[in-house]
C-alpha cells in the first residue's frame, strides 16, 4: 500500500492540516509542567546514561500516538528484523543492508545468502588494526625512511563525508595519531591547497573507491601520485605511501599499490553507512584502533536497543519521527 493511501498517514495528515498552525512550543511547555518528562528518556549504558530530550520538537501525545500507529502499519518492525537477518531489503539493488554486521561486537552469525559474513568482517578489522599500529607506532616508513605524519583520504560521497564528520567529532581522542586530511572535490584547487601543506616523505594517501574507477576519486588520486613522484622519483615508492579501500585488486595493482595494503568492503554496505567498514580507516588511524573499536561498540549497543526495544520506547524510531515531522 502506498504511504498516501495508508489510513494512519491520512489521519496524521488531516490532523496536521487542522492543527499544525496552532502548535506553539512555549504554550505547550506552559500548559504542561510534565512535558519534559513525557518527551524525554534516559538510556542506561555501561559507560553512563544518555539523555534523549525530544520535548523541544513540535509534538504532543496525540501526534506521537499517530506516528507509532503509522510505524506499525508501515511494517517498521518487520523491516528491521529482515535487515538484521540479512534479507535483501534494498529492493532497488537487490542487496542486503548490513552495516550492523560491521559493528556486530557480539560476533553472532549474520547470514547473507546462507553465508555468515562475520569471519570476513573480522578479517578486515584485524588487518586494519595491524596497519593502524604500524603507522601510529612509526614502524611503517615512507620511501626515505621517515614515519607518517599526515594521512590524506581521497574519496567522494560516503567515502568522504562519514569519515570526515567522525574525525572532526573525535579529534580530542587523536593524541599520537597522524593528521588527517580529506579531498573529495574534483576541482584541482582542493587537492592543491591540501598538498601545499604536506611533505611527500611523510604523507600517506588512502584511495577510497570500491571499484577503483570512480572518476572524481581516481582523478584526484592520479594528481596526488603525480605530486608525490616529483619528490620520490621512483614509481616503486608509491606502494609505501598509497593504500586502497577497494575490491578491484587488478586496478589497485595497476595504480602501483601493493594489494596487501588493499582493504575490502562489501556491496551490502550502503555509502552513507560505510564509515563502519574499511572506509573508516582514516578514523582509526587518527584516533587509534582501540578508540575505533569503542566507536563500533557504541553503535552496536544502539543496534541492540533498536532491535529489541518496543516501538514506543525505541529511540531510533522516535528520531525517525522527528525527521518525518520536519
C-alpha atoms as a PDB file:
ATOM      1  CA  UNK A   1       0.000   0.000   0.000  1.00  0.00           C
ATOM      2  CA  UNK A   2       1.305   3.439  -0.921  1.00  0.00           C
ATOM      3  CA  UNK A   3       2.022   5.708   2.038  1.00  0.00           C
ATOM      4  CA  UNK A   4      -0.529   8.251   0.839  1.00  0.00           C
ATOM      5  CA  UNK A   5      -3.243   5.565   0.991  1.00  0.00           C
ATOM      6  CA  UNK A   6      -2.388   4.366   4.481  1.00  0.00           C
ATOM      7  CA  UNK A   7      -5.291   5.342   6.801  1.00  0.00           C
ATOM      8  CA  UNK A   8      -2.798   6.112   9.572  1.00  0.00           C
ATOM      9  CA  UNK A   9      -0.921   8.522   7.336  1.00  0.00           C
ATOM     10  CA  UNK A  10      -4.162  10.117   6.171  1.00  0.00           C
ATOM     11  CA  UNK A  11      -5.243  10.598   9.782  1.00  0.00           C
ATOM     12  CA  UNK A  12      -1.924  12.249  10.621  1.00  0.00           C
ATOM     13  CA  UNK A  13      -2.101  14.442   7.538  1.00  0.00           C
ATOM     14  CA  UNK A  14      -5.630  15.579   8.356  1.00  0.00           C
ATOM     15  CA  UNK A  15      -4.637  16.354  11.935  1.00  0.00           C
ATOM     16  CA  UNK A  16      -1.648  18.359  10.712  1.00  0.00           C
ATOM     17  CA  UNK A  17      -3.731  20.397   8.283  1.00  0.00           C
ATOM     18  CA  UNK A  18      -6.256  21.196  11.011  1.00  0.00           C
ATOM     19  CA  UNK A  19      -3.914  21.833  13.947  1.00  0.00           C
ATOM     20  CA  UNK A  20      -0.312  22.450  12.908  1.00  0.00           C
ATOM     21  CA  UNK A  21      -0.651  26.223  12.746  1.00  0.00           C
ATOM     22  CA  UNK A  22      -1.752  26.340  16.377  1.00  0.00           C
ATOM     23  CA  UNK A  23       1.208  24.376  17.766  1.00  0.00           C
ATOM     24  CA  UNK A  24       3.321  26.696  19.888  1.00  0.00           C
ATOM     25  CA  UNK A  25       6.332  25.443  21.814  1.00  0.00           C
ATOM     26  CA  UNK A  26       6.157  27.978  24.640  1.00  0.00           C
ATOM     27  CA  UNK A  27       2.435  27.364  25.146  1.00  0.00           C
ATOM     28  CA  UNK A  28       2.929  23.599  25.234  1.00  0.00           C
ATOM     29  CA  UNK A  29       5.524  23.940  27.993  1.00  0.00           C
ATOM     30  CA  UNK A  30       3.438  26.481  29.922  1.00  0.00           C
ATOM     31  CA  UNK A  31       0.328  24.312  29.819  1.00  0.00           C
ATOM     32  CA  UNK A  32       2.072  21.077  30.798  1.00  0.00           C
ATOM     33  CA  UNK A  33       4.728  21.192  33.565  1.00  0.00           C
ATOM     34  CA  UNK A  34       5.465  17.497  32.919  1.00  0.00           C
ATOM     35  CA  UNK A  35       6.241  17.947  29.232  1.00  0.00           C
ATOM     36  CA  UNK A  36       9.968  17.325  29.652  1.00  0.00           C
ATOM     37  CA  UNK A  37       9.448  14.032  31.475  1.00  0.00           C
ATOM     38  CA  UNK A  38       6.829  12.921  28.944  1.00  0.00           C
ATOM     39  CA  UNK A  39       9.021  13.631  25.947  1.00  0.00           C
ATOM     40  CA  UNK A  40      12.456  12.571  27.102  1.00  0.00           C
ATOM     41  CA  UNK A  41      14.111   9.317  28.043  1.00  0.00           C
ATOM     42  CA  UNK A  42      17.396   8.178  29.523  1.00  0.00           C
ATOM     43  CA  UNK A  43      19.277   5.216  28.112  1.00  0.00           C
ATOM     44  CA  UNK A  44      21.411   3.426  30.685  1.00  0.00           C
ATOM     45  CA  UNK A  45      24.680   2.184  29.211  1.00  0.00           C
ATOM     46  CA  UNK A  46      27.783   0.609  30.742  1.00  0.00           C
ATOM     47  CA  UNK A  47      29.556   3.925  30.151  1.00  0.00           C
ATOM     48  CA  UNK A  48      26.907   6.099  31.740  1.00  0.00           C
ATOM     49  CA  UNK A  49      23.447   7.461  30.950  1.00  0.00           C
ATOM     50  CA  UNK A  50      22.467   9.115  27.675  1.00  0.00           C
ATOM     51  CA  UNK A  51      19.675  11.673  27.915  1.00  0.00           C
ATOM     52  CA  UNK A  52      17.431  11.865  24.862  1.00  0.00           C
ATOM     53  CA  UNK A  53      15.357  15.050  25.025  1.00  0.00           C
ATOM     54  CA  UNK A  54      12.766  15.491  22.300  1.00  0.00           C
ATOM     55  CA  UNK A  55      10.460  17.797  24.244  1.00  0.00           C
ATOM     56  CA  UNK A  56      11.584  20.755  22.126  1.00  0.00           C
ATOM     57  CA  UNK A  57      10.012  19.290  18.999  1.00  0.00           C
ATOM     58  CA  UNK A  58       6.562  20.348  17.816  1.00  0.00           C
ATOM     59  CA  UNK A  59       4.876  17.176  19.021  1.00  0.00           C
ATOM     60  CA  UNK A  60       2.279  16.162  21.562  1.00  0.00           C
ATOM     61  CA  UNK A  61       0.836  12.883  22.795  1.00  0.00           C
ATOM     62  CA  UNK A  62      -1.744  12.732  20.001  1.00  0.00           C
ATOM     63  CA  UNK A  63       0.935  13.178  17.348  1.00  0.00           C
ATOM     64  CA  UNK A  64       3.185  10.524  18.891  1.00  0.00           C
ATOM     65  CA  UNK A  65       0.315   8.037  19.083  1.00  0.00           C
ATOM     66  CA  UNK A  66      -0.473   8.571  15.399  1.00  0.00           C
ATOM     67  CA  UNK A  67       3.203   8.252  14.437  1.00  0.00           C
ATOM     68  CA  UNK A  68       3.607   4.995  16.349  1.00  0.00           C
ATOM     69  CA  UNK A  69       0.437   3.651  14.717  1.00  0.00           C
ATOM     70  CA  UNK A  70       1.808   4.576  11.310  1.00  0.00           C
ATOM     71  CA  UNK A  71       5.170   2.915  12.055  1.00  0.00           C
ATOM     72  CA  UNK A  72       3.276  -0.219  12.997  1.00  0.00           C
ATOM     73  CA  UNK A  73       1.141  -0.215   9.873  1.00  0.00           C
ATOM     74  CA  UNK A  74       4.137   0.513   7.614  1.00  0.00           C
ATOM     75  CA  UNK A  75       5.932  -2.583   8.899  1.00  0.00           C
ATOM     76  CA  UNK A  76       8.892  -0.882  10.564  1.00  0.00           C
ATOM     77  CA  UNK A  77       9.391  -3.788  12.977  1.00  0.00           C
ATOM     78  CA  UNK A  78       9.218  -6.380  10.208  1.00  0.00           C
ATOM     79  CA  UNK A  79      11.685  -4.430   8.035  1.00  0.00           C
ATOM     80  CA  UNK A  80      14.040  -4.058  10.988  1.00  0.00           C
ATOM     81  CA  UNK A  81      14.011  -7.799  11.643  1.00  0.00           C
ATOM     82  CA  UNK A  82      14.598  -8.549   7.963  1.00  0.00           C
ATOM     83  CA  UNK A  83      17.582  -6.196   7.936  1.00  0.00           C
ATOM     84  CA  UNK A  84      19.235  -7.901  10.903  1.00  0.00           C
ATOM     85  CA  UNK A  85      18.622 -11.334   9.390  1.00  0.00           C
ATOM     86  CA  UNK A  86      20.386 -10.398   6.145  1.00  0.00           C
ATOM     87  CA  UNK A  87      17.354 -10.276   3.871  1.00  0.00           C
ATOM     88  CA  UNK A  88      17.702  -8.089   0.781  1.00  0.00           C
ATOM     89  CA  UNK A  89      15.625  -5.128   1.890  1.00  0.00           C
ATOM     90  CA  UNK A  90      17.438  -2.829  -0.550  1.00  0.00           C
ATOM     91  CA  UNK A  91      14.932  -3.829  -3.212  1.00  0.00           C
ATOM     92  CA  UNK A  92      16.149  -1.345  -5.846  1.00  0.00           C
ATOM     93  CA  UNK A  93      19.577  -3.016  -5.986  1.00  0.00           C
ATOM     94  CA  UNK A  94      18.609  -6.441  -4.669  1.00  0.00           C
ATOM     95  CA  UNK A  95      21.055  -6.232  -1.762  1.00  0.00           C
ATOM     96  CA  UNK A  96      21.142  -6.821   1.959  1.00  0.00           C
ATOM     97  CA  UNK A  97      21.635  -3.787   4.219  1.00  0.00           C
ATOM     98  CA  UNK A  98      24.134  -4.915   6.818  1.00  0.00           C
ATOM     99  CA  UNK A  99      26.107  -2.045   8.259  1.00  0.00           C
ATOM    100  CA  UNK A 100      25.031  -3.613  11.552  1.00  0.00           C
ATOM    101  CA  UNK A 101      27.340  -6.553  10.772  1.00  0.00           C
ATOM    102  CA  UNK A 102      30.332  -4.216  10.585  1.00  0.00           C
ATOM    103  CA  UNK A 103      29.834  -3.231  14.232  1.00  0.00           C
ATOM    104  CA  UNK A 104      28.492  -6.575  15.477  1.00  0.00           C
ATOM    105  CA  UNK A 105      30.675  -6.830  18.582  1.00  0.00           C
ATOM    106  CA  UNK A 106      28.773  -9.888  19.809  1.00  0.00           C
ATOM    107  CA  UNK A 107      30.138 -11.736  16.775  1.00  0.00           C
ATOM    108  CA  UNK A 108      26.839 -13.607  16.459  1.00  0.00           C
ATOM    109  CA  UNK A 109      26.471 -15.045  12.948  1.00  0.00           C
ATOM    110  CA  UNK A 110      24.809 -12.804  10.367  1.00  0.00           C
ATOM    111  CA  UNK A 111      23.901 -14.549   7.143  1.00  0.00           C
ATOM    112  CA  UNK A 112      23.727 -13.286   3.575  1.00  0.00           C
ATOM    113  CA  UNK A 113      22.598 -15.906   1.061  1.00  0.00           C
ATOM    114  CA  UNK A 114      23.213 -18.540   3.723  1.00  0.00           C
ATOM    115  CA  UNK A 115      26.814 -17.484   4.423  1.00  0.00           C
ATOM    116  CA  UNK A 116      27.983 -15.955   7.702  1.00  0.00           C
ATOM    117  CA  UNK A 117      29.659 -12.629   6.874  1.00  0.00           C
ATOM    118  CA  UNK A 118      31.303 -12.183  10.275  1.00  0.00           C
ATOM    119  CA  UNK A 119      34.560 -14.062   9.517  1.00  0.00           C
ATOM    120  CA  UNK A 120      35.248 -11.678   6.611  1.00  0.00           C
ATOM    121  CA  UNK A 121      34.262  -8.634   8.663  1.00  0.00           C
ATOM    122  CA  UNK A 122      36.644  -9.691  11.428  1.00  0.00           C
ATOM    123  CA  UNK A 123      39.433 -10.451   8.965  1.00  0.00           C
ATOM    124  CA  UNK A 124      39.323  -6.908   7.579  1.00  0.00           C
ATOM    125  CA  UNK A 125      39.110  -5.412  11.076  1.00  0.00           C
ATOM    126  CA  UNK A 126      42.192  -7.391  12.125  1.00  0.00           C
ATOM    127  CA  UNK A 127      44.016  -6.165   9.032  1.00  0.00           C
ATOM    128  CA  UNK A 128      43.040  -2.571   9.808  1.00  0.00           C
ATOM    129  CA  UNK A 129      44.205  -2.985  13.400  1.00  0.00           C
ATOM    130  CA  UNK A 130      47.645  -4.244  12.382  1.00  0.00           C
ATOM    131  CA  UNK A 131      48.043  -1.476   9.814  1.00  0.00           C
ATOM    132  CA  UNK A 132      46.997   1.248  12.251  1.00  0.00           C
ATOM    133  CA  UNK A 133      49.504   0.004  14.802  1.00  0.00           C
ATOM    134  CA  UNK A 134      52.325   0.071  12.256  1.00  0.00           C
ATOM    135  CA  UNK A 135      51.525   3.609  11.122  1.00  0.00           C
ATOM    136  CA  UNK A 136      50.831   5.130  14.537  1.00  0.00           C
ATOM    137  CA  UNK A 137      53.849   3.471  16.172  1.00  0.00           C
ATOM    138  CA  UNK A 138      56.186   4.755  13.471  1.00  0.00           C
ATOM    139  CA  UNK A 139      57.044   1.244  12.293  1.00  0.00           C
ATOM    140  CA  UNK A 140      55.609   1.999   8.845  1.00  0.00           C
ATOM    141  CA  UNK A 141      58.209   4.021   6.969  1.00  0.00           C
ATOM    142  CA  UNK A 142      57.964   6.064   3.821  1.00  0.00           C
ATOM    143  CA  UNK A 143      60.412   5.829   0.928  1.00  0.00           C
ATOM    144  CA  UNK A 144      63.006   7.986   2.714  1.00  0.00           C
ATOM    145  CA  UNK A 145      62.785   6.083   5.987  1.00  0.00           C
ATOM    146  CA  UNK A 146      60.629   8.649   7.765  1.00  0.00           C
ATOM    147  CA  UNK A 147      57.438   7.860   9.678  1.00  0.00           C
ATOM    148  CA  UNK A 148      53.990   9.006   8.562  1.00  0.00           C
ATOM    149  CA  UNK A 149      52.752  12.318   9.979  1.00  0.00           C
ATOM    150  CA  UNK A 150      49.815  13.021   7.646  1.00  0.00           C
ATOM    151  CA  UNK A 151      47.100  10.927   6.024  1.00  0.00           C
ATOM    152  CA  UNK A 152      45.037  12.123   3.050  1.00  0.00           C
ATOM    153  CA  UNK A 153      41.727  10.355   2.429  1.00  0.00           C
ATOM    154  CA  UNK A 154      40.674  10.649  -1.212  1.00  0.00           C
ATOM    155  CA  UNK A 155      37.050   9.661  -1.774  1.00  0.00           C
ATOM    156  CA  UNK A 156      33.625  11.044  -2.516  1.00  0.00           C
ATOM    157  CA  UNK A 157      30.150  10.757  -1.001  1.00  0.00           C
ATOM    158  CA  UNK A 158      30.041   8.197   1.791  1.00  0.00           C
ATOM    159  CA  UNK A 159      33.748   7.522   1.333  1.00  0.00           C
ATOM    160  CA  UNK A 160      34.403  11.117   2.399  1.00  0.00           C
ATOM    161  CA  UNK A 161      31.549  12.620   4.420  1.00  0.00           C
ATOM    162  CA  UNK A 162      31.226   9.988   7.143  1.00  0.00           C
ATOM    163  CA  UNK A 163      34.939   9.700   7.989  1.00  0.00           C
ATOM    164  CA  UNK A 164      35.303  13.483   7.784  1.00  0.00           C
ATOM    165  CA  UNK A 165      32.456  14.014  10.242  1.00  0.00           C
ATOM    166  CA  UNK A 166      33.714  11.429  12.727  1.00  0.00           C
ATOM    167  CA  UNK A 167      37.353  12.545  12.684  1.00  0.00           C
ATOM    168  CA  UNK A 168      36.209  16.107  13.364  1.00  0.00           C
ATOM    169  CA  UNK A 169      33.959  14.956  16.202  1.00  0.00           C
ATOM    170  CA  UNK A 170      36.611  12.744  17.804  1.00  0.00           C
ATOM    171  CA  UNK A 171      39.675  14.964  17.482  1.00  0.00           C
ATOM    172  CA  UNK A 172      40.091  15.028  21.298  1.00  0.00           C
ATOM    173  CA  UNK A 173      40.939  11.300  21.040  1.00  0.00           C
ATOM    174  CA  UNK A 174      43.603  11.737  18.350  1.00  0.00           C
ATOM    175  CA  UNK A 175      46.701  12.084  20.540  1.00  0.00           C
ATOM    176  CA  UNK A 176      49.600  10.220  18.974  1.00  0.00           C
ATOM    177  CA  UNK A 177      47.894   9.864  15.627  1.00  0.00           C
ATOM    178  CA  UNK A 178      48.674  11.426  12.260  1.00  0.00           C
ATOM    179  CA  UNK A 179      46.898  14.493  10.967  1.00  0.00           C
ATOM    180  CA  UNK A 180      44.071  13.512   8.619  1.00  0.00           C
ATOM    181  CA  UNK A 181      43.005  15.444   5.528  1.00  0.00           C
ATOM    182  CA  UNK A 182      40.071  14.832   3.195  1.00  0.00           C
ATOM    183  CA  UNK A 183      39.937  15.585  -0.519  1.00  0.00           C
ATOM    184  CA  UNK A 184      36.750  14.962  -2.481  1.00  0.00           C
ATOM    185  CA  UNK A 185      36.268  17.862  -4.892  1.00  0.00           C
ATOM    186  CA  UNK A 186      37.450  17.193  -8.423  1.00  0.00           C
ATOM    187  CA  UNK A 187      38.315  20.879  -8.673  1.00  0.00           C
ATOM    188  CA  UNK A 188      42.114  20.845  -8.527  1.00  0.00           C
ATOM    189  CA  UNK A 189      42.143  23.701  -6.035  1.00  0.00           C
ATOM    190  CA  UNK A 190      41.028  21.394  -3.223  1.00  0.00           C
ATOM    191  CA  UNK A 191      43.882  18.982  -3.830  1.00  0.00           C
ATOM    192  CA  UNK A 192      46.464  21.711  -4.455  1.00  0.00           C
ATOM    193  CA  UNK A 193      45.544  23.563  -1.264  1.00  0.00           C
ATOM    194  CA  UNK A 194      45.904  20.357   0.748  1.00  0.00           C
ATOM    195  CA  UNK A 195      49.177  19.196  -0.800  1.00  0.00           C
ATOM    196  CA  UNK A 196      50.744  22.602  -0.286  1.00  0.00           C
ATOM    197  CA  UNK A 197      50.733  21.908   3.457  1.00  0.00           C
ATOM    198  CA  UNK A 198      52.258  18.426   3.242  1.00  0.00           C
ATOM    199  CA  UNK A 199      55.623  16.697   2.936  1.00  0.00           C
ATOM    200  CA  UNK A 200      55.668  13.867   0.405  1.00  0.00           C
ATOM    201  CA  UNK A 201      58.158  11.922   2.531  1.00  0.00           C
ATOM    202  CA  UNK A 202      55.752  11.673   5.473  1.00  0.00           C
ATOM    203  CA  UNK A 203      52.336  11.560   3.772  1.00  0.00           C
ATOM    204  CA  UNK A 204      50.141   8.501   3.305  1.00  0.00           C
ATOM    205  CA  UNK A 205      47.246   8.534   0.824  1.00  0.00           C
ATOM    206  CA  UNK A 206      44.106   6.441   1.244  1.00  0.00           C
ATOM    207  CA  UNK A 207      42.245   5.911  -2.045  1.00  0.00           C
ATOM    208  CA  UNK A 208      38.640   5.021  -1.236  1.00  0.00           C
ATOM    209  CA  UNK A 209      36.804   3.547  -4.215  1.00  0.00           C
ATOM    210  CA  UNK A 210      35.150   0.129  -4.219  1.00  0.00           C
ATOM    211  CA  UNK A 211      35.585  -0.340  -7.968  1.00  0.00           C
ATOM    212  CA  UNK A 212      38.689   1.860  -8.192  1.00  0.00           C
ATOM    213  CA  UNK A 213      37.056   3.508 -11.182  1.00  0.00           C
ATOM    214  CA  UNK A 214      35.146   6.368  -9.512  1.00  0.00           C
ATOM    215  CA  UNK A 215      36.014   9.283 -11.795  1.00  0.00           C
ATOM    216  CA  UNK A 216      36.387  12.018  -9.187  1.00  0.00           C
ATOM    217  CA  UNK A 217      38.355   9.831  -6.794  1.00  0.00           C
ATOM    218  CA  UNK A 218      40.745   8.375  -9.365  1.00  0.00           C
ATOM    219  CA  UNK A 219      41.352  11.794 -10.934  1.00  0.00           C
ATOM    220  CA  UNK A 220      42.379  13.132  -7.535  1.00  0.00           C
ATOM    221  CA  UNK A 221      44.419  10.005  -6.810  1.00  0.00           C
ATOM    222  CA  UNK A 222      46.374  10.457 -10.041  1.00  0.00           C
ATOM    223  CA  UNK A 223      47.025  14.094  -9.134  1.00  0.00           C
ATOM    224  CA  UNK A 224      48.296  13.024  -5.720  1.00  0.00           C
ATOM    225  CA  UNK A 225      50.562  10.397  -7.254  1.00  0.00           C
ATOM    226  CA  UNK A 226      51.967  12.899  -9.739  1.00  0.00           C
ATOM    227  CA  UNK A 227      52.729  15.317  -6.884  1.00  0.00           C
ATOM    228  CA  UNK A 228      54.302  12.543  -4.820  1.00  0.00           C
ATOM    229  CA  UNK A 229      56.544  11.267  -7.628  1.00  0.00           C
ATOM    230  CA  UNK A 230      58.012  14.726  -8.166  1.00  0.00           C
ATOM    231  CA  UNK A 231      59.723  14.167  -4.821  1.00  0.00           C
ATOM    232  CA  UNK A 232      60.158  10.396  -4.746  1.00  0.00           C
ATOM    233  CA  UNK A 233      61.298   9.995  -8.377  1.00  0.00           C
ATOM    234  CA  UNK A 234      60.641   6.275  -8.089  1.00  0.00           C
ATOM    235  CA  UNK A 235      57.341   4.592  -9.044  1.00  0.00           C
ATOM    236  CA  UNK A 236      58.055   1.719  -6.649  1.00  0.00           C
ATOM    237  CA  UNK A 237      57.836   4.205  -3.756  1.00  0.00           C
ATOM    238  CA  UNK A 238      54.084   4.558  -4.397  1.00  0.00           C
ATOM    239  CA  UNK A 239      53.495   1.302  -2.506  1.00  0.00           C
ATOM    240  CA  UNK A 240      54.853   2.882   0.685  1.00  0.00           C
ATOM    241  CA  UNK A 241      52.632   5.948   0.500  1.00  0.00           C
ATOM    242  CA  UNK A 242      49.340   4.772  -1.037  1.00  0.00           C
ATOM    243  CA  UNK A 243      46.798   2.234   0.221  1.00  0.00           C
ATOM    244  CA  UNK A 244      43.397   1.316  -1.217  1.00  0.00           C
ATOM    245  CA  UNK A 245      39.914   0.778   0.153  1.00  0.00           C
ATOM    246  CA  UNK A 246      38.592  -1.298  -2.722  1.00  0.00           C
ATOM    247  CA  UNK A 247      37.765  -4.733  -4.089  1.00  0.00           C
ATOM    248  CA  UNK A 248      39.325  -4.294  -7.533  1.00  0.00           C
ATOM    249  CA  UNK A 249      42.765  -5.787  -6.984  1.00  0.00           C
ATOM    250  CA  UNK A 250      43.758  -5.507 -10.659  1.00  0.00           C
ATOM    251  CA  UNK A 251      43.113  -1.749 -10.813  1.00  0.00           C
ATOM    252  CA  UNK A 252      44.745  -1.239  -7.423  1.00  0.00           C
ATOM    253  CA  UNK A 253      47.872  -3.076  -8.568  1.00  0.00           C
ATOM    254  CA  UNK A 254      47.984  -1.142 -11.850  1.00  0.00           C
ATOM    255  CA  UNK A 255      47.983   2.097  -9.855  1.00  0.00           C
ATOM    256  CA  UNK A 256      51.104   0.948  -8.022  1.00  0.00           C
ATOM    257  CA  UNK A 257      49.546  -0.036  -4.695  1.00  0.00           C
ATOM    258  CA  UNK A 258      50.568  -3.300  -3.065  1.00  0.00           C
ATOM    259  CA  UNK A 259      47.390  -5.395  -2.902  1.00  0.00           C
ATOM    260  CA  UNK A 260      48.492  -6.487   0.578  1.00  0.00           C
ATOM    261  CA  UNK A 261      47.516  -2.936   1.518  1.00  0.00           C
ATOM    262  CA  UNK A 262      44.052  -3.147  -0.023  1.00  0.00           C
ATOM    263  CA  UNK A 263      41.210  -3.181   2.490  1.00  0.00           C
ATOM    264  CA  UNK A 264      37.953  -4.682   1.244  1.00  0.00           C
ATOM    265  CA  UNK A 265      34.310  -3.934   1.931  1.00  0.00           C
ATOM    266  CA  UNK A 266      31.089  -5.354   0.516  1.00  0.00           C
ATOM    267  CA  UNK A 267      28.124  -4.411  -1.650  1.00  0.00           C
ATOM    268  CA  UNK A 268      25.805  -4.742   1.352  1.00  0.00           C
ATOM    269  CA  UNK A 269      27.484  -1.683   2.872  1.00  0.00           C
ATOM    270  CA  UNK A 270      25.497   1.387   1.830  1.00  0.00           C
ATOM    271  CA  UNK A 271      27.523   4.517   1.125  1.00  0.00           C
ATOM    272  CA  UNK A 272      26.102   6.560   3.975  1.00  0.00           C
ATOM    273  CA  UNK A 273      26.975   3.766   6.424  1.00  0.00           C
ATOM    274  CA  UNK A 274      30.411   2.925   5.049  1.00  0.00           C
ATOM    275  CA  UNK A 275      32.396   4.649   7.805  1.00  0.00           C
ATOM    276  CA  UNK A 276      31.855   1.471   9.872  1.00  0.00           C
ATOM    277  CA  UNK A 277      33.748  -0.541   7.244  1.00  0.00           C
ATOM    278  CA  UNK A 278      37.298  -0.235   5.896  1.00  0.00           C
ATOM    279  CA  UNK A 279      36.210   3.220   4.703  1.00  0.00           C
ATOM    280  CA  UNK A 280      36.719   4.174   8.355  1.00  0.00           C
ATOM    281  CA  UNK A 281      40.474   3.521   8.107  1.00  0.00           C
ATOM    282  CA  UNK A 282      41.206   7.250   8.264  1.00  0.00           C
ATOM    283  CA  UNK A 283      39.210   7.436  11.510  1.00  0.00           C
ATOM    284  CA  UNK A 284      41.098   4.501  13.022  1.00  0.00           C
ATOM    285  CA  UNK A 285      44.459   5.988  12.049  1.00  0.00           C
ATOM    286  CA  UNK A 286      43.532   9.334  13.567  1.00  0.00           C
ATOM    287  CA  UNK A 287      42.083   8.198  16.913  1.00  0.00           C
ATOM    288  CA  UNK A 288      43.733   4.784  17.251  1.00  0.00           C
ATOM    289  CA  UNK A 289      42.198   1.400  16.609  1.00  0.00           C
ATOM    290  CA  UNK A 290      41.235   0.875  20.254  1.00  0.00           C
ATOM    291  CA  UNK A 291      39.099   4.011  20.120  1.00  0.00           C
ATOM    292  CA  UNK A 292      37.707   2.935  16.739  1.00  0.00           C
ATOM    293  CA  UNK A 293      36.617  -0.314  18.389  1.00  0.00           C
ATOM    294  CA  UNK A 294      34.885   1.733  21.087  1.00  0.00           C
ATOM    295  CA  UNK A 295      33.069   3.616  18.326  1.00  0.00           C
ATOM    296  CA  UNK A 296      31.932   0.286  16.864  1.00  0.00           C
ATOM    297  CA  UNK A 297      30.847  -0.900  20.308  1.00  0.00           C
ATOM    298  CA  UNK A 298      28.744   2.201  20.875  1.00  0.00           C
ATOM    299  CA  UNK A 299      26.995   1.700  17.550  1.00  0.00           C
ATOM    300  CA  UNK A 300      26.449  -1.977  18.361  1.00  0.00           C
ATOM    301  CA  UNK A 301      24.857  -1.019  21.682  1.00  0.00           C
ATOM    302  CA  UNK A 302      22.384   1.197  19.855  1.00  0.00           C
ATOM    303  CA  UNK A 303      21.766  -1.527  17.260  1.00  0.00           C
ATOM    304  CA  UNK A 304      20.813  -3.893  20.092  1.00  0.00           C
ATOM    305  CA  UNK A 305      18.480  -1.276  21.558  1.00  0.00           C
ATOM    306  CA  UNK A 306      16.904  -0.680  18.139  1.00  0.00           C
ATOM    307  CA  UNK A 307      16.431  -4.404  17.621  1.00  0.00           C
ATOM    308  CA  UNK A 308      14.884  -5.197  20.997  1.00  0.00           C
ATOM    309  CA  UNK A 309      13.104  -2.117  22.361  1.00  0.00           C
ATOM    310  CA  UNK A 310       9.332  -1.791  21.803  1.00  0.00           C
ATOM    311  CA  UNK A 311       8.391   0.886  19.285  1.00  0.00           C
ATOM    312  CA  UNK A 312       7.106   3.234  21.972  1.00  0.00           C
ATOM    313  CA  UNK A 313      10.477   3.095  23.770  1.00  0.00           C
ATOM    314  CA  UNK A 314      12.696   2.849  20.716  1.00  0.00           C
ATOM    315  CA  UNK A 315      14.976   5.868  20.358  1.00  0.00           C
ATOM    316  CA  UNK A 316      15.965   5.411  16.673  1.00  0.00           C
ATOM    317  CA  UNK A 317      12.290   5.051  15.775  1.00  0.00           C
ATOM    318  CA  UNK A 318      11.476   8.243  17.663  1.00  0.00           C
ATOM    319  CA  UNK A 319      14.323  10.030  15.862  1.00  0.00           C
ATOM    320  CA  UNK A 320      12.742   8.894  12.614  1.00  0.00           C
ATOM    321  CA  UNK A 321       9.519  10.607  13.669  1.00  0.00           C
ATOM    322  CA  UNK A 322      11.193  13.922  14.413  1.00  0.00           C
ATOM    323  CA  UNK A 323      12.754  13.943  10.970  1.00  0.00           C
ATOM    324  CA  UNK A 324       9.440  12.928   9.426  1.00  0.00           C
ATOM    325  CA  UNK A 325       7.683  15.751  11.218  1.00  0.00           C
ATOM    326  CA  UNK A 326      10.094  18.371   9.954  1.00  0.00           C
END
